[in-house]
Amino acid sequence: MRPEEALALRVRDMEITEDGASWLPVHPQAQERREKDSDHAGVVRRVPVCRELAAILKEEAIRRDLHPEDAMFVLDDGRLLTAEVYRKVWRQGFAGA
C-alpha cells in the first residue's frame, strides 16, 4: 500500500469477515493521481490484511479512542500522519527486518 493510500484510510474502512479474513479498501481518490489514465481508475482495490495486523489496527483504534470517520494512521497526539513520517517509519521497519 502506497503512503497516500494508507493516509486516506479511515477506521470504518477495515473489513473483517466472520472467518477472520480482513481487508483494507483503497478508495479511488487515493489512486487518482497514479492511475488517472488507467483502466483501473475509480475502482476500489481491496488489500488483504493478515489477522495479526488486523488485530493490531483494531486494538490501536480502541486504545486511541478513534471514531469510524477518523484517519486510521495518526500520530500519538491525534494529528494526521504525513506522507514524510509514514515513509520514514516504513524505511525503519525494513531496516529492522
C-alpha atoms as a PDB file:
ATOM      1  CA  MET A   1       0.000   0.000   0.000  1.00  0.00           C
ATOM      2  CA  ARG A   2       1.418   3.366  -1.022  1.00  0.00           C
ATOM      3  CA  PRO A   3       1.680   6.150   1.607  1.00  0.00           C
ATOM      4  CA  GLU A   4      -1.071   8.280   0.063  1.00  0.00           C
ATOM      5  CA  GLU A   5      -3.372   5.248   0.058  1.00  0.00           C
ATOM      6  CA  ALA A   6      -2.657   4.411   3.702  1.00  0.00           C
ATOM      7  CA  LEU A   7      -3.117   8.028   4.756  1.00  0.00           C
ATOM      8  CA  ALA A   8      -6.564   8.141   3.128  1.00  0.00           C
ATOM      9  CA  LEU A   9      -7.820   5.145   5.170  1.00  0.00           C
ATOM     10  CA  ARG A  10     -10.450   5.684   7.830  1.00  0.00           C
ATOM     11  CA  VAL A  11     -11.195   3.418  10.794  1.00  0.00           C
ATOM     12  CA  ARG A  12     -14.531   2.466   9.181  1.00  0.00           C
ATOM     13  CA  ASP A  13     -12.694   1.132   6.110  1.00  0.00           C
ATOM     14  CA  MET A  14     -11.380  -2.069   7.713  1.00  0.00           C
ATOM     15  CA  GLU A  15     -13.413  -5.062   6.582  1.00  0.00           C
ATOM     16  CA  ILE A  16     -13.333  -8.127   8.844  1.00  0.00           C
ATOM     17  CA  THR A  17     -15.331 -11.185   7.812  1.00  0.00           C
ATOM     18  CA  GLU A  18     -16.799 -13.775  10.177  1.00  0.00           C
ATOM     19  CA  ASP A  19     -13.974 -16.202   9.382  1.00  0.00           C
ATOM     20  CA  GLY A  20     -11.394 -13.574  10.413  1.00  0.00           C
ATOM     21  CA  ALA A  21     -10.226 -12.561   6.940  1.00  0.00           C
ATOM     22  CA  SER A  22      -9.531  -8.836   6.793  1.00  0.00           C
ATOM     23  CA  TRP A  23      -9.267  -6.281   4.013  1.00  0.00           C
ATOM     24  CA  LEU A  24      -8.427  -2.616   3.629  1.00  0.00           C
ATOM     25  CA  PRO A  25     -10.099  -0.985   0.649  1.00  0.00           C
ATOM     26  CA  VAL A  26      -8.029   1.543  -1.276  1.00  0.00           C
ATOM     27  CA  HIS A  27     -10.510   4.128  -2.484  1.00  0.00           C
ATOM     28  CA  PRO A  28     -10.314   5.758  -5.901  1.00  0.00           C
ATOM     29  CA  GLN A  29      -9.427   9.219  -4.576  1.00  0.00           C
ATOM     30  CA  ALA A  30      -6.204   7.762  -3.122  1.00  0.00           C
ATOM     31  CA  GLN A  31      -5.350   6.216  -6.503  1.00  0.00           C
ATOM     32  CA  GLU A  32      -6.405   9.014  -8.864  1.00  0.00           C
ATOM     33  CA  ARG A  33      -3.031  10.654  -9.348  1.00  0.00           C
ATOM     34  CA  ARG A  34      -1.309   7.373 -10.074  1.00  0.00           C
ATOM     35  CA  GLU A  35      -3.954   5.747 -12.273  1.00  0.00           C
ATOM     36  CA  LYS A  36      -5.697   8.676 -13.928  1.00  0.00           C
ATOM     37  CA  ASP A  37      -5.054   7.278 -17.419  1.00  0.00           C
ATOM     38  CA  SER A  38      -5.508   3.649 -16.387  1.00  0.00           C
ATOM     39  CA  ASP A  39      -8.405   1.284 -16.962  1.00  0.00           C
ATOM     40  CA  HIS A  40      -8.412   0.772 -13.167  1.00  0.00           C
ATOM     41  CA  ALA A  41      -9.001   4.436 -12.254  1.00  0.00           C
ATOM     42  CA  GLY A  42     -12.043   4.774  -9.996  1.00  0.00           C
ATOM     43  CA  VAL A  43     -12.051   1.117  -8.907  1.00  0.00           C
ATOM     44  CA  VAL A  44     -11.760   0.236  -5.208  1.00  0.00           C
ATOM     45  CA  ARG A  45      -8.834  -2.120  -4.672  1.00  0.00           C
ATOM     46  CA  ARG A  46      -9.113  -4.485  -1.685  1.00  0.00           C
ATOM     47  CA  VAL A  47      -5.783  -5.154   0.051  1.00  0.00           C
ATOM     48  CA  PRO A  48      -5.685  -8.318   2.203  1.00  0.00           C
ATOM     49  CA  VAL A  49      -4.569  -7.870   5.812  1.00  0.00           C
ATOM     50  CA  CYS A  50      -3.190 -10.694   7.969  1.00  0.00           C
ATOM     51  CA  ARG A  51      -5.075 -11.470  11.184  1.00  0.00           C
ATOM     52  CA  GLU A  52      -2.234 -10.181  13.351  1.00  0.00           C
ATOM     53  CA  LEU A  53      -2.149  -6.781  11.643  1.00  0.00           C
ATOM     54  CA  ALA A  54      -5.948  -6.521  11.717  1.00  0.00           C
ATOM     55  CA  ALA A  55      -5.864  -7.180  15.476  1.00  0.00           C
ATOM     56  CA  ILE A  56      -3.180  -4.518  15.983  1.00  0.00           C
ATOM     57  CA  LEU A  57      -5.106  -1.939  13.946  1.00  0.00           C
ATOM     58  CA  LYS A  58      -8.326  -2.710  15.808  1.00  0.00           C
ATOM     59  CA  GLU A  59      -6.606  -2.513  19.217  1.00  0.00           C
ATOM     60  CA  GLU A  60      -4.934   0.781  18.294  1.00  0.00           C
ATOM     61  CA  ALA A  61      -8.234   2.290  17.168  1.00  0.00           C
ATOM     62  CA  ILE A  62      -9.745   1.329  20.537  1.00  0.00           C
ATOM     63  CA  ARG A  63      -6.710   2.492  22.540  1.00  0.00           C
ATOM     64  CA  ARG A  64      -6.701   5.869  20.806  1.00  0.00           C
ATOM     65  CA  ASP A  65     -10.494   6.171  21.016  1.00  0.00           C
ATOM     66  CA  LEU A  66     -10.724   6.672  17.264  1.00  0.00           C
ATOM     67  CA  HIS A  67     -14.147   7.050  15.679  1.00  0.00           C
ATOM     68  CA  PRO A  68     -15.227   5.455  12.376  1.00  0.00           C
ATOM     69  CA  GLU A  69     -14.588   8.651  10.404  1.00  0.00           C
ATOM     70  CA  ASP A  70     -11.102   9.210  11.902  1.00  0.00           C
ATOM     71  CA  ALA A  71      -7.931   8.542   9.939  1.00  0.00           C
ATOM     72  CA  MET A  72      -6.567   5.094  10.691  1.00  0.00           C
ATOM     73  CA  PHE A  73      -2.943   6.237  10.833  1.00  0.00           C
ATOM     74  CA  VAL A  74      -2.382   9.201  13.137  1.00  0.00           C
ATOM     75  CA  LEU A  75       0.390  10.451  15.392  1.00  0.00           C
ATOM     76  CA  ASP A  76       0.259   9.743  19.133  1.00  0.00           C
ATOM     77  CA  ASP A  77      -1.222  13.186  19.749  1.00  0.00           C
ATOM     78  CA  GLY A  78      -4.027  12.507  17.235  1.00  0.00           C
ATOM     79  CA  ARG A  79      -2.683  14.725  14.453  1.00  0.00           C
ATOM     80  CA  LEU A  80      -2.747  13.352  10.922  1.00  0.00           C
ATOM     81  CA  LEU A  81       0.289  11.404   9.865  1.00  0.00           C
ATOM     82  CA  THR A  82       2.185  12.997   6.990  1.00  0.00           C
ATOM     83  CA  ALA A  83       3.489  11.067   3.985  1.00  0.00           C
ATOM     84  CA  GLU A  84       7.031  12.008   5.054  1.00  0.00           C
ATOM     85  CA  VAL A  85       6.603  10.451   8.512  1.00  0.00           C
ATOM     86  CA  TYR A  86       4.897   7.375   7.014  1.00  0.00           C
ATOM     87  CA  ARG A  87       7.817   6.812   4.621  1.00  0.00           C
ATOM     88  CA  LYS A  88      10.364   7.273   7.440  1.00  0.00           C
ATOM     89  CA  VAL A  89       8.618   4.659   9.605  1.00  0.00           C
ATOM     90  CA  TRP A  90       8.279   2.334   6.593  1.00  0.00           C
ATOM     91  CA  ARG A  91      12.048   2.525   5.933  1.00  0.00           C
ATOM     92  CA  GLN A  92      12.796   1.921   9.620  1.00  0.00           C
ATOM     93  CA  GLY A  93      10.602  -1.182   9.544  1.00  0.00           C
ATOM     94  CA  PHE A  94      12.589  -2.640   6.664  1.00  0.00           C
ATOM     95  CA  ALA A  95      15.923  -1.718   8.256  1.00  0.00           C
ATOM     96  CA  GLY A  96      14.996  -3.721  11.354  1.00  0.00           C
ATOM     97  CA  ALA A  97      13.797  -6.765   9.420  1.00  0.00           C
END
